[in-house]
Protein backbone atom coordinates (compact mmCIF):
# COMPACT_ATOMS: atom_id res chain seq x y z
CA MET A 1 -0.10 -0.46 0.00
CA GLU A 2 3.06 2.57 0.79
CA LYS A 3 4.98 2.00 -2.61
CA ARG A 4 1.38 3.15 -4.57
CA VAL A 5 1.60 6.29 -2.41
CA PHE A 6 5.33 6.65 -2.83
CA LEU A 7 4.10 5.88 -6.80
CA ALA A 8 1.57 8.75 -6.30
CA ILE A 9 3.53 10.88 -5.05
CA PHE A 10 6.59 10.31 -7.54
CA LEU A 11 4.17 10.70 -10.37
CA SER A 12 2.50 14.27 -9.51
CA PHE A 13 6.19 15.46 -8.92
CA VAL A 14 7.09 14.48 -12.08
CA VAL A 15 3.14 15.55 -13.77
CA LEU A 16 3.92 19.45 -12.11
CA ALA A 17 7.54 19.87 -13.61
CA VAL A 18 6.56 18.74 -16.91
CA TYR A 19 3.25 20.67 -16.75
CA GLN A 20 5.04 23.89 -15.70
CA VAL A 21 7.42 24.13 -18.23
CA LEU A 22 5.61 22.43 -21.13
CA VAL A 23 1.62 23.41 -20.69
CA PRO A 24 0.27 27.18 -20.17
CA PRO A 25 -2.44 27.27 -17.91
CA PRO A 26 -5.73 26.82 -19.89
CA PRO A 27 -7.16 30.42 -20.43
CA PRO A 28 -10.22 31.32 -19.07
CA PRO A 29 -13.87 32.21 -21.09
CA PRO A 30 -13.05 36.43 -23.20
CA PRO A 31 -15.47 38.18 -21.23
CA VAL A 32 -17.52 40.46 -23.01
CA ALA A 33 -16.96 43.41 -24.41
CA VAL A 34 -18.60 46.63 -22.82
CA THR A 35 -18.45 50.48 -23.56
CA ILE A 36 -18.47 53.47 -21.31
CA PRO A 37 -20.79 55.47 -22.04
CA THR A 38 -19.33 58.63 -23.52
CA ASP A 39 -20.52 62.27 -25.17
CA SER A 40 -20.60 60.94 -28.50
CA ALA A 41 -19.75 57.70 -30.50
CA ALA A 42 -16.46 55.97 -30.19
CA PRO A 43 -14.65 54.97 -33.60
CA ALA A 44 -14.33 51.89 -34.29
CA ALA A 45 -11.71 49.41 -32.31
CA ALA A 46 -8.56 49.29 -35.11
CA THR A 47 -5.17 47.45 -35.50
CA PRO A 48 -3.01 49.01 -33.04
CA GLY A 49 -0.98 51.12 -34.98
CA ALA A 50 -2.97 51.72 -37.74
CA PRO A 51 -4.83 54.60 -38.77
CA ALA A 52 -8.60 54.63 -38.27
CA SER A 53 -10.69 55.66 -39.74
CA PRO A 54 -14.23 58.13 -38.07
CA ALA A 55 -16.52 55.92 -37.68
CA GLY A 56 -19.16 55.74 -40.72
CA ALA A 57 -16.61 57.19 -43.18
CA ALA A 58 -16.98 56.47 -46.78
CA PRO A 59 -14.32 54.42 -48.64
CA ASN A 60 -12.98 57.18 -50.32
CA ALA A 61 -13.57 60.15 -47.67
CA ALA A 62 -13.01 64.08 -48.41
CA PRO A 63 -9.33 64.40 -47.41
CA ALA A 64 -8.89 66.28 -43.94
CA ALA A 65 -8.63 69.24 -43.65
CA PRO A 66 -5.26 71.27 -41.98
CA VAL A 67 -4.43 70.77 -39.12
CA PRO A 68 -4.54 74.44 -37.05
CA ALA A 69 -1.42 75.90 -35.77
CA ALA A 70 0.42 75.50 -32.51
CA ILE A 71 0.48 78.06 -29.23
CA GLU A 72 1.40 75.79 -27.12
CA ALA A 73 4.20 73.53 -28.11
CA ASP A 74 7.70 72.42 -28.41
CA THR A 75 10.04 73.49 -31.65
CA GLU A 76 11.06 70.33 -32.05
CA ALA A 77 11.42 66.76 -31.61
CA ARG A 78 13.69 65.84 -28.13
CA GLU A 79 13.13 63.60 -25.88
CA ILE A 80 13.38 63.95 -22.13
CA VAL A 81 15.53 61.68 -19.52
CA VAL A 82 14.50 61.35 -16.20
CA GLU A 83 16.78 58.96 -13.91
CA THR A 84 16.03 58.00 -10.06
CA ASP A 85 18.33 55.65 -7.95
CA HIS A 86 15.71 52.78 -9.82
CA VAL A 87 14.94 53.34 -13.03
CA ARG A 88 15.75 55.20 -15.63
CA ALA A 89 13.00 56.37 -17.64
CA VAL A 90 12.97 58.31 -21.22
CA PHE A 91 10.37 59.99 -22.94
CA SER A 92 9.12 61.77 -26.11
CA ASN A 93 8.14 64.89 -26.62
CA VAL A 94 6.12 63.25 -29.55
CA GLY A 95 2.62 62.62 -28.27
CA ALA A 96 3.87 63.23 -24.34
CA THR A 97 4.91 59.66 -24.08
CA LEU A 98 7.79 56.93 -23.11
CA ARG A 99 9.63 55.37 -24.91
CA SER A 100 12.29 53.94 -22.13
CA TRP A 101 11.68 52.59 -18.46
CA LYS A 102 14.67 50.35 -16.67
CA LEU A 103 15.87 49.39 -14.10
CA LYS A 104 18.94 49.63 -12.23
CA LYS A 105 18.95 46.88 -9.78
CA PHE A 106 18.17 44.26 -12.34
CA PHE A 107 20.49 43.24 -15.66
CA GLU A 108 20.20 41.05 -18.68
CA GLY A 109 23.03 40.74 -20.42
CA GLY A 110 25.04 43.16 -18.36
CA GLU A 111 22.74 45.78 -19.30
CA MET A 112 19.80 47.46 -17.51
CA LEU A 113 16.75 45.97 -17.97
CA GLU A 114 14.69 47.32 -20.51
CA LEU A 115 10.66 46.74 -20.21
CA VAL A 116 9.26 49.04 -23.03
CA PRO A 117 10.11 47.00 -26.13
CA GLN A 118 12.85 49.28 -27.82
CA ASP A 119 12.87 47.45 -31.57
CA ALA A 120 8.72 47.58 -31.66
CA PRO A 121 7.98 49.01 -35.62
CA ASP A 122 7.28 52.65 -35.39
CA SER A 123 3.97 52.32 -36.21
CA LEU A 124 2.63 51.07 -32.80
CA PRO A 125 2.25 52.99 -29.97
CA ARG A 126 3.71 53.30 -27.28
CA PRO A 127 3.66 54.12 -23.25
CA PHE A 128 1.18 56.46 -22.50
CA THR A 129 -0.94 57.41 -25.73
CA LEU A 130 -3.66 59.93 -25.20
CA SER A 131 -6.52 59.96 -27.03
CA THR A 132 -10.32 60.47 -26.90
CA ASN A 133 -13.49 59.71 -29.00
CA ASP A 134 -13.17 61.63 -32.00
CA GLU A 135 -10.62 60.52 -34.24
CA GLN A 136 -9.05 63.32 -35.84
CA LEU A 137 -8.33 64.37 -32.05
CA SER A 138 -6.31 61.87 -31.53
CA ARG A 139 -4.00 62.01 -33.95
CA ARG A 140 -2.79 65.47 -33.88
CA LEU A 141 -2.60 64.23 -30.07
CA ALA A 142 -0.64 61.90 -31.22
CA SER A 143 1.92 63.59 -33.39
CA ALA A 144 1.48 66.45 -31.49
CA ARG A 145 4.81 68.38 -30.55
CA PHE A 146 4.14 68.72 -26.42
CA ALA A 147 5.83 71.50 -24.67
CA PRO A 148 8.11 69.19 -21.57
CA SER A 149 7.89 71.23 -17.90
CA ALA A 150 11.94 70.17 -17.63
CA GLN A 151 14.69 69.33 -20.43
CA GLY A 152 15.57 66.43 -17.13
CA LEU A 153 15.26 65.45 -13.67
CA SER A 154 17.57 64.08 -11.44
CA LEU A 155 15.41 62.77 -8.71
CA GLY A 156 17.62 60.38 -6.66
CA ALA A 157 14.80 58.99 -4.30
CA ALA A 158 12.48 62.32 -4.10
CA ALA A 159 9.55 62.74 -5.69
CA GLY A 160 9.62 64.69 -8.89
CA THR A 161 6.96 65.97 -11.80
CA LEU A 162 7.49 66.39 -15.66
CA SER A 163 4.50 68.32 -16.67
CA PHE A 164 3.82 68.15 -21.35
CA SER A 165 1.49 70.36 -22.47
CA TYR A 166 -0.54 71.20 -26.10
CA ARG A 167 -2.87 74.39 -27.69
CA ASP A 168 -3.55 74.72 -30.54
CA GLU A 169 -5.56 77.75 -32.15
CA SER A 170 -8.84 74.84 -32.24
CA GLY A 171 -9.08 75.48 -29.25
CA LEU A 172 -7.96 71.88 -28.58
CA THR A 173 -6.05 72.19 -24.86
CA ALA A 174 -4.26 68.81 -24.22
CA ARG A 175 -2.07 68.34 -20.57
CA LYS A 176 -0.20 65.71 -19.37
CA THR A 177 1.68 64.91 -16.26
CA PHE A 178 3.95 62.25 -14.83
CA TYR A 179 4.36 62.18 -10.60
CA PHE A 180 7.73 60.19 -10.03
CA GLN A 181 7.94 57.69 -6.63
CA PRO A 182 4.59 59.42 -5.06
CA GLU A 183 4.78 58.63 -0.91
CA GLY A 184 8.79 57.17 -1.66
CA LYS A 185 6.93 53.93 -3.98
CA PRO A 186 10.13 53.48 -6.64
CA TYR A 187 8.64 51.54 -9.31
CA VAL A 188 5.01 53.84 -9.27
CA ILE A 189 4.66 56.59 -11.97
CA LYS A 190 1.36 58.41 -11.50
CA VAL A 191 -0.46 59.46 -14.44
CA GLU A 192 -2.58 63.35 -14.98
CA ALA A 193 -4.15 63.86 -18.73
CA ASN A 194 -7.30 66.01 -19.05
CA VAL A 195 -8.61 67.12 -22.79
CA ASP A 196 -10.60 69.60 -23.87
CA VAL A 197 -12.01 71.86 -26.84
CA GLY A 198 -12.83 75.07 -26.20
CA GLY A 199 -13.37 74.00 -22.42
CA ALA A 200 -15.61 71.45 -23.16
CA SER A 201 -14.00 68.04 -21.81
CA HIS A 202 -13.87 64.97 -23.61
CA PRO A 203 -12.89 61.61 -22.20
CA VAL A 204 -9.55 60.04 -21.98
CA LYS A 205 -8.04 56.61 -23.25
CA LEU A 206 -3.77 55.60 -22.06
CA THR A 207 -2.63 52.86 -24.71
CA TRP A 208 0.11 51.28 -23.11
CA GLY A 209 1.38 49.34 -27.01
CA PRO A 210 3.69 46.24 -26.84
CA ALA A 211 3.99 44.95 -23.16
CA ILE A 212 6.49 44.13 -21.61
CA GLY A 213 9.72 43.53 -22.05
CA ALA A 214 11.55 41.45 -25.27
CA GLY A 215 9.11 39.37 -25.85
CA TYR A 216 10.79 36.59 -26.40
CA SER A 217 14.47 34.64 -24.93
CA LYS A 218 17.71 36.27 -25.61
CA ASP A 219 19.47 33.55 -24.83
CA GLY A 220 17.80 30.63 -24.72
CA SER A 221 16.30 30.33 -21.70
CA THR A 222 12.95 29.56 -20.69
CA TYR A 223 10.59 31.82 -21.27
CA LEU A 224 6.97 33.52 -19.79
CA ALA A 225 5.48 35.60 -22.96
CA PRO A 226 3.26 38.19 -21.75
CA ARG A 227 0.49 37.94 -20.27
CA ALA A 228 -2.66 40.04 -19.51
CA ILE A 229 -4.13 39.91 -16.12
CA THR A 230 -7.25 42.04 -14.56
CA TRP A 231 -7.83 41.94 -10.98
CA SER A 232 -11.88 41.33 -11.67
CA GLN A 233 -14.66 40.60 -9.25
CA GLY A 234 -12.24 39.88 -6.63
CA SER A 235 -10.37 36.77 -8.40
CA ILE A 236 -7.17 37.35 -10.94
CA VAL A 237 -7.62 36.80 -14.25
CA ARG A 238 -4.70 35.58 -16.38
CA VAL A 239 -5.01 35.51 -20.41
CA ALA A 240 -1.19 34.31 -22.57
CA GLY A 241 -0.89 36.78 -25.57
CA THR A 242 -2.17 33.66 -28.24
CA SER A 243 -4.90 33.52 -26.74
CA ILE A 244 -7.11 36.75 -26.42
CA GLU A 245 -9.31 37.06 -29.00
CA GLY A 246 -9.84 40.01 -31.06
CA ASN A 247 -10.67 43.01 -28.14
CA THR A 248 -10.68 41.55 -24.42
CA SER A 249 -12.59 43.84 -22.27
CA TYR A 250 -12.94 44.74 -18.21
CA GLU A 251 -14.95 47.47 -17.03
CA GLY A 252 -15.44 48.84 -12.64
CA GLU A 253 -13.60 48.84 -10.00
CA LEU A 254 -10.13 46.25 -10.89
CA LYS A 255 -8.27 46.26 -8.14
CA PHE A 256 -5.17 46.43 -11.09
CA ALA A 257 -4.56 45.62 -15.11
CA GLY A 258 -2.15 45.11 -17.17
CA VAL A 259 0.75 42.99 -18.10
CA GLU A 260 3.00 40.76 -16.70
CA ASP A 261 5.92 37.98 -17.68
CA GLN A 262 7.27 35.55 -15.00
CA TYR A 263 8.78 38.26 -13.48
CA PHE A 264 7.78 41.95 -14.62
CA LEU A 265 4.58 43.52 -14.21
CA ALA A 266 3.10 46.97 -16.19
CA ALA A 267 -0.38 48.00 -14.86
CA ALA A 268 -2.90 51.09 -13.64
CA LEU A 269 -4.01 51.20 -10.25
CA PRO A 270 -7.31 52.48 -9.87
CA GLY A 271 -8.02 52.29 -6.50
CA SER A 272 -11.87 52.26 -6.74
CA GLN A 273 -11.94 54.58 -9.74
CA GLN A 274 -14.73 52.88 -12.88
CA LEU A 275 -12.78 52.72 -15.81
CA LYS A 276 -12.11 50.20 -18.83
CA ILE A 277 -9.43 48.17 -20.28
CA ASP A 278 -9.20 46.59 -23.26
CA TYR A 279 -6.36 43.98 -24.33
CA GLN A 280 -5.01 43.46 -28.11
CA PRO A 281 -2.72 41.10 -28.86
CA ILE A 282 0.00 42.87 -31.35
CA THR A 283 2.04 39.91 -33.27
CA VAL A 284 5.80 41.19 -34.93
CA PRO A 285 9.18 39.44 -36.26
CA VAL A 286 11.54 38.48 -33.63
CA PRO A 287 14.05 40.47 -34.93
CA GLY A 288 17.05 38.67 -36.61
CA ALA A 289 15.13 35.30 -36.46
CA ALA A 290 13.96 33.19 -39.83
CA VAL A 291 10.80 33.98 -41.65
CA GLY A 292 7.80 32.98 -39.78
CA THR A 293 9.47 33.43 -36.28
CA ASN A 294 6.92 35.47 -33.93
CA ARG A 295 5.91 36.88 -30.97
CA THR A 296 2.92 38.05 -29.12
CA PHE A 297 2.78 41.07 -26.87
CA VAL A 298 -0.16 41.72 -25.05
CA SER A 299 -1.53 46.02 -25.65
CA PHE A 300 -3.72 47.42 -23.00
CA ASP A 301 -6.07 50.83 -23.62
CA VAL A 302 -7.14 52.41 -20.03
CA SER A 303 -10.44 54.21 -20.90
CA VAL A 304 -11.62 56.83 -18.15
CA PRO A 305 -15.51 59.41 -18.61
CA GLY A 306 -12.94 62.01 -18.64
CA SER A 307 -9.94 63.88 -17.07
CA ALA A 308 -7.66 60.21 -16.23
CA ALA A 309 -5.12 60.80 -12.72
CA LEU A 310 -4.02 57.11 -12.72
CA PRO A 311 -1.14 55.14 -10.73
CA TYR A 312 0.77 52.83 -12.97
CA PHE A 313 3.32 50.10 -11.88
CA ILE A 314 6.57 49.03 -14.02
CA GLY A 315 8.22 47.30 -12.31
CA PRO A 316 9.40 43.19 -10.12
CA LYS A 317 6.91 41.23 -9.01
CA ASP A 318 8.88 41.41 -5.88
CA PHE A 319 6.71 40.69 -2.57
CA ASP A 320 7.79 42.91 -0.09
CA VAL A 321 8.18 45.68 -3.41
CA LEU A 322 4.35 44.78 -3.67
CA ARG A 323 3.26 44.98 -0.51
CA ASP A 324 4.90 48.54 0.22
CA VAL A 325 2.49 49.91 -2.70
CA ASP A 326 -0.55 48.05 -1.58
CA PRO A 327 -0.91 47.11 2.10
CA LYS A 328 -3.94 45.65 1.18
CA LEU A 329 -2.06 43.06 -0.61
CA GLU A 330 -4.24 42.94 -3.34
CA LEU A 331 -1.48 43.67 -5.63
CA VAL A 332 1.04 40.32 -4.13
CA ARG A 333 -0.98 38.58 -5.65
CA ALA A 334 0.05 39.84 -9.21
CA ILE A 335 3.14 36.93 -8.01
CA ASP A 336 1.55 33.20 -9.86
CA PHE A 337 2.25 31.00 -6.20
CA GLY A 338 -0.18 28.49 -7.19
CA ARG A 339 -4.01 27.91 -5.81
CA PHE A 340 -3.92 26.21 -3.50
CA PHE A 341 -0.97 26.72 -1.99
CA ALA A 342 -0.53 30.63 -1.62
CA TRP A 343 -0.64 30.02 2.33
CA ILE A 344 2.02 28.87 2.73
CA VAL A 345 4.34 29.76 -0.31
CA VAL A 346 4.22 33.76 1.71
CA PRO A 347 5.81 32.63 4.89
CA LEU A 348 8.92 29.98 2.82
CA LEU A 349 9.89 33.33 1.10
CA GLN A 350 9.82 35.33 3.92
CA GLY A 351 11.70 32.93 5.59
CA LEU A 352 14.13 32.41 2.90
CA LYS A 353 14.30 36.11 2.50
CA TRP A 354 15.74 35.87 6.27
CA ILE A 355 17.70 34.07 6.10
CA ASN A 356 19.59 35.64 2.97
CA THR A 357 19.78 38.70 4.81
CA TYR A 358 22.75 36.87 6.98
CA VAL A 359 23.58 33.84 4.31
CA HIS A 360 23.67 36.34 1.29
CA ASN A 361 23.86 34.06 -1.15
CA TYR A 362 20.74 32.47 -2.23
CA GLY A 363 21.66 29.24 -3.19
CA TRP A 364 23.09 28.56 0.49
CA SER A 365 19.32 29.69 1.64
CA ILE A 366 17.63 27.16 -0.51
CA VAL A 367 19.75 24.61 1.98
CA VAL A 368 18.92 26.35 4.43
CA LEU A 369 15.43 26.53 4.27
CA THR A 370 14.92 22.95 3.28
CA ILE A 371 17.66 22.05 6.37
CA LEU A 372 14.99 23.68 9.10
CA ILE A 373 11.83 22.34 6.63
CA ASN A 374 12.67 18.99 7.25
CA LEU A 375 14.27 18.82 10.86
CA VAL A 376 10.34 20.41 11.54
CA ILE A 377 8.81 17.45 8.94
CA PHE A 378 11.51 15.08 10.87
CA PRO A 379 8.46 13.76 13.32
CA LEU A 380 5.99 12.36 10.84
CA ARG A 381 8.62 11.27 8.09
CA HIS A 382 10.47 8.74 11.02
CA ARG A 383 6.85 7.76 11.80
CA SER A 384 5.99 6.99 8.47
CA MET A 385 9.36 5.34 8.48
CA VAL A 386 8.94 3.77 11.56
CA SER A 387 5.14 2.09 10.68
CA MET A 388 6.65 1.02 6.61
CA ARG A 389 9.93 -1.03 8.86
CA LYS A 390 6.50 -2.85 10.66
CA MET A 391 4.59 -3.17 7.87
CA GLN A 392 8.06 -4.68 5.83
CA ALA A 393 8.25 -7.36 9.10
CA LEU A 394 4.23 -8.99 8.80
CA GLN A 395 5.14 -9.46 5.55
CA PRO A 396 5.73 -12.84 5.63
CA GLU A 397 2.41 -13.74 7.50
CA ILE A 398 0.50 -11.15 5.09
CA LYS A 399 1.32 -13.15 2.20
CA ALA A 400 0.65 -16.40 4.52
CA LEU A 401 -3.06 -15.29 4.34
CA GLN A 402 -2.67 -14.47 0.59
CA GLU A 403 -1.68 -17.85 -0.77
CA ARG A 404 -3.93 -19.53 1.93
CA TYR A 405 -6.92 -17.27 -0.04
CA LYS A 406 -6.00 -17.93 -3.34
CA LYS A 407 -8.07 -20.17 -4.67
CA TYR A 408 -10.29 -18.20 -3.94
CA LYS A 409 -12.39 -15.47 -6.13
CA LEU A 410 -13.12 -12.17 -5.16
CA THR A 411 -16.29 -12.37 -5.15
CA ASP A 412 -15.91 -15.69 -3.22
CA PRO A 413 -17.36 -14.93 1.04
CA GLU A 414 -14.31 -16.95 1.49
CA ARG A 415 -12.53 -14.21 0.39
CA GLN A 416 -13.93 -11.61 1.85
CA LYS A 417 -12.33 -14.42 5.03
CA MET A 418 -8.74 -13.17 4.73
CA GLN A 419 -9.55 -9.49 4.93
CA THR A 420 -10.90 -9.87 8.79
CA GLU A 421 -7.78 -12.11 10.15
CA MET A 422 -5.74 -9.71 8.16
CA MET A 423 -7.47 -7.11 10.29
CA ALA A 424 -7.55 -9.01 13.37
CA LEU A 425 -3.46 -10.19 12.23
CA TYR A 426 -2.55 -5.52 12.12
CA LYS A 427 -4.72 -5.35 15.45
CA GLN A 428 -2.26 -8.17 17.13
CA LYS A 429 0.60 -6.87 16.16
CA GLY A 430 -0.30 -2.77 17.08
CA VAL A 431 0.10 -2.55 13.71
CA ASN A 432 -2.14 0.58 11.65
CA PRO A 433 -1.36 -0.25 7.51
CA ALA A 434 -2.47 3.51 6.73
CA SER A 435 0.08 4.94 9.15
CA GLY A 436 2.30 5.09 7.05
CA CYS A 437 0.86 7.34 4.40
CA VAL A 438 -0.89 9.45 6.57
CA PRO A 439 2.38 11.58 7.66
CA MET A 440 4.07 11.35 4.43
CA LEU A 441 0.98 12.92 2.56
CA LEU A 442 1.18 15.87 5.33
CA THR A 443 3.87 16.93 4.13
CA LEU A 444 3.14 17.38 0.78
CA PRO A 445 1.09 20.90 0.64
CA VAL A 446 4.76 22.01 1.97
CA LEU A 447 6.56 20.55 -0.62
CA PHE A 448 4.88 22.12 -3.85
CA ALA A 449 4.15 25.01 -1.90
CA PHE A 450 7.97 25.24 -2.43
CA TYR A 451 8.00 24.19 -5.83
CA SER A 452 5.19 26.66 -6.66
CA MET A 453 7.53 29.14 -4.45
CA LEU A 454 11.00 28.90 -6.06
CA SER A 455 8.86 28.70 -9.99
CA ALA A 456 7.59 32.49 -9.26
CA ALA A 457 10.46 33.90 -7.33
CA ILE A 458 12.44 37.07 -8.71
CA GLU A 459 15.18 36.71 -6.44
CA LEU A 460 16.26 34.06 -7.29
CA ARG A 461 16.27 35.76 -10.91
CA GLY A 462 20.31 36.42 -11.59
CA ALA A 463 21.17 35.09 -7.98
CA PRO A 464 24.29 33.38 -8.14
CA TRP A 465 25.44 30.03 -5.94
CA ILE A 466 28.27 28.16 -6.94
CA GLY A 467 31.47 27.32 -9.81
CA TRP A 468 28.87 27.14 -12.33
CA VAL A 469 25.55 28.09 -11.27
CA THR A 470 25.26 31.56 -11.96
CA ASP A 471 21.37 32.20 -12.29
CA LEU A 472 19.42 29.68 -9.87
CA SER A 473 16.16 30.98 -11.19
CA ARG A 474 18.02 28.97 -15.29
CA HIS A 475 18.63 25.11 -15.61
CA ASP A 476 22.61 23.74 -14.42
CA PRO A 477 24.62 24.75 -17.85
CA TYR A 478 26.50 21.44 -17.61
CA TYR A 479 23.33 19.46 -15.97
CA ILE A 480 25.93 18.66 -12.83
CA THR A 481 23.11 18.83 -10.09
CA PRO A 482 20.57 17.24 -11.25
CA ILE A 483 22.21 14.11 -12.01
CA LEU A 484 23.07 14.29 -8.66
CA MET A 485 20.05 14.65 -7.74
CA GLY A 486 18.81 11.69 -9.48
CA GLY A 487 21.76 9.64 -7.72
CA THR A 488 20.68 10.62 -4.74
CA MET A 489 17.28 9.81 -4.77
CA PHE A 490 18.71 6.35 -5.80
CA TRP A 491 20.05 6.22 -3.14
CA GLN A 492 17.43 6.96 -0.63
CA GLN A 493 15.66 4.54 -2.83
CA LYS A 494 17.09 1.51 -2.63
CA MET A 495 17.11 2.15 1.39
CA MET A 496 13.47 2.90 1.68
CA PRO A 497 12.11 -0.32 3.80
CA THR A 498 9.67 -2.15 0.77
CA THR A 499 6.67 -4.35 1.43
CA ALA A 500 6.62 -4.83 -2.66
CA ASP A 501 7.56 -8.09 -4.74
CA PRO A 502 11.45 -7.37 -6.30
CA LEU A 503 9.50 -7.21 -9.88
CA GLN A 504 7.72 -3.75 -8.67
CA GLN A 505 10.65 -2.64 -6.79
CA LYS A 506 13.06 -3.03 -10.02
CA ILE A 507 10.01 -0.71 -11.92
CA PHE A 508 10.63 2.02 -9.26
CA LEU A 509 14.21 2.39 -9.60
CA PHE A 510 13.15 3.78 -12.88
CA MET A 511 12.04 7.07 -11.13
CA PRO A 512 15.03 8.69 -10.11
CA LEU A 513 15.72 8.09 -13.94
CA ILE A 514 12.49 9.64 -14.32
CA PHE A 515 13.41 13.16 -12.25
CA THR A 516 16.76 13.38 -13.45
CA PHE A 517 15.21 13.80 -16.68
CA SER A 518 12.46 15.99 -16.08
CA PHE A 519 14.72 18.68 -13.99
CA LEU A 520 17.28 18.49 -16.19
CA TRP A 521 15.38 22.20 -17.44
CA VAL A 522 14.01 23.27 -14.34
CA PRO A 523 15.62 26.52 -12.34
CA SER A 524 18.44 25.38 -10.49
CA GLY A 525 17.37 26.86 -7.38
CA LEU A 526 14.90 23.95 -7.64
CA VAL A 527 17.40 21.27 -8.73
CA LEU A 528 19.21 22.22 -5.28
CA TYR A 529 16.15 22.02 -2.99
CA TRP A 530 15.26 18.95 -3.88
CA LEU A 531 18.58 17.11 -4.25
CA MET A 532 18.51 19.44 -0.31
CA SER A 533 16.03 17.38 0.18
CA ASN A 534 17.04 13.82 -0.58
CA ILE A 535 20.00 14.17 1.26
CA MET A 536 18.04 15.15 4.36
CA ALA A 537 15.37 11.45 3.51
CA ILE A 538 18.63 9.37 3.46
CA GLY A 539 20.41 10.81 6.50
CA GLN A 540 17.45 10.74 8.25
CA GLN A 541 16.87 6.97 7.70
CA TYR A 542 20.45 6.56 8.55
CA VAL A 543 18.89 7.91 11.43
CA THR A 544 15.72 6.08 11.96
CA ASN A 545 18.16 3.04 12.03
CA ARG A 546 19.43 2.94 14.78
CA LEU A 547 16.69 4.30 16.98
CA ILE A 548 14.16 0.94 15.84
CA ALA A 549 15.81 -2.45 15.27
CA ALA A 550 16.09 -4.06 11.83
CA PRO A 551 12.87 -5.95 11.13
CA VAL A 552 13.03 -9.74 12.72
CA ARG A 553 13.07 -12.01 9.16
CA PRO A 554 11.74 -15.92 9.42
CA PRO A 555 14.49 -18.50 10.01
CA LYS A 556 15.40 -20.57 6.78
CA PRO A 557 14.63 -23.97 7.49
CA VAL A 558 17.31 -26.59 7.89
CA LYS A 559 17.64 -29.19 5.84
CA SER A 560 18.54 -32.19 6.78
CA THR A 561 19.57 -35.73 5.51
CA GLY A 562 17.31 -37.54 7.67
CA ALA A 563 15.75 -38.63 11.34
CA VAL A 564 16.41 -37.17 14.09
CA ALA A 565 16.35 -39.81 16.99
CA THR A 566 14.69 -38.00 20.51
CA ASN A 567 18.29 -39.08 22.31
CA GLY A 568 19.93 -36.54 19.57
CA LYS A 569 21.08 -39.53 17.15
CA LYS A 570 21.63 -39.61 13.65
CA LYS A 571 18.85 -42.50 13.39
CA VAL A 572 20.26 -44.92 10.20
């Protein structure tokens, strides 16, 4: 019975490992698109970056009217750089859009990590592109040279403001203001935008074009493509870019909404504001790759009935950072810790980070945390091993019972007597057949939670361990740790008490081989955890063997060459 439980446990982890690596989660059905009432009819949806025609316009419409002369604008196109301790942002005064957002604390290829795709086609909108319900006004706003309030900012850890304004002879007035590091939050930027014509306010839409990152792995490592992420009606909805059909919309009180990849997030934080968000997939070629090799980004538009005043988070999915932005811990759920074990994952992650404050190496921090976890579950594992040893000692008597009743069919009433006698034997010997399974099953939530934590923890990104393991979030380049893990698993399997027949024992010995193959491309932090767990289990098995006696084996029958008399002499 215990072997069936262990088989189920092993196969569960195999399925989990392969599923995490190869199979993305199934997308939920897209919600029904909705429309926010505005002062006038909104234009029909258009492909991002492509010029759209006003609603109801004929194919051969008359050419657009001349653009009114600017009254308040910049004389030439220019870029404005904003430096903080954590971010280097570059804005363009053409459309007052964001062109670059580099994180100074995170690196890729030896350079600061860029979250705004730099090689996207110029026809696609850039983050914070301003538009309204009038298509001609939207085009003028996208190409207008806004006048900036400064030619650059160097803020350090302080808050700062950068404004862009535009006004022309038609009465069009537009203003966009960016507030950096409000309340000391380094990855938050608050955006205020308003558009009015002749004093009449127009609804505002802020478009974020392709988001986020490069959209593909530059070094061949495992890469989670951008996904739409929305807090809607008390739950998190994640949709891969390739699964978005047309224009997917959400409306109402959304705690946050935007785009994520494995470790980073760009999202609006409307709080209690009512708004509408539209997601669209954008498929473009991968630079330098073969023809037909594409990547899919996710674009999102945030629409409000009037002037916009929205905070945005653009940064890492670090638990402490997200908690500082949102003390209610709603934004923390952007970290994908899984559906069932998040309540265990959070304490484990906090424990790992606390240990690292002393160890200063996340690889060794994983080792220390694994040791502590195994010490906590030592009593459960010890009880399971003791029960299995007792079951192993009973095997001769159990097999004798099975042999006695094997001539009866399963439906024969006599066969039921075997179960009665077997339960009586368990009671006589003080053995509970389930006691070896239950303690082991109780440890499974911790094991799965640790797996989920290390799969999503940004702390492991770029974190070295020793020698050849320079990034715990990527697989071992020389596959040394997976092979060691498989070897220790084989060793542990040989040591475990067994009640299986010889053929089953040989089959179980293939489990380490299956696990080794499954973990070859798994992040090395996960492999390190599993390797240390195996080593701890082997050590515990030695301790258990010391604490309890080996099972008593029945004596082998002595062969005699003749009868023996009662006086001990051999009869002839």
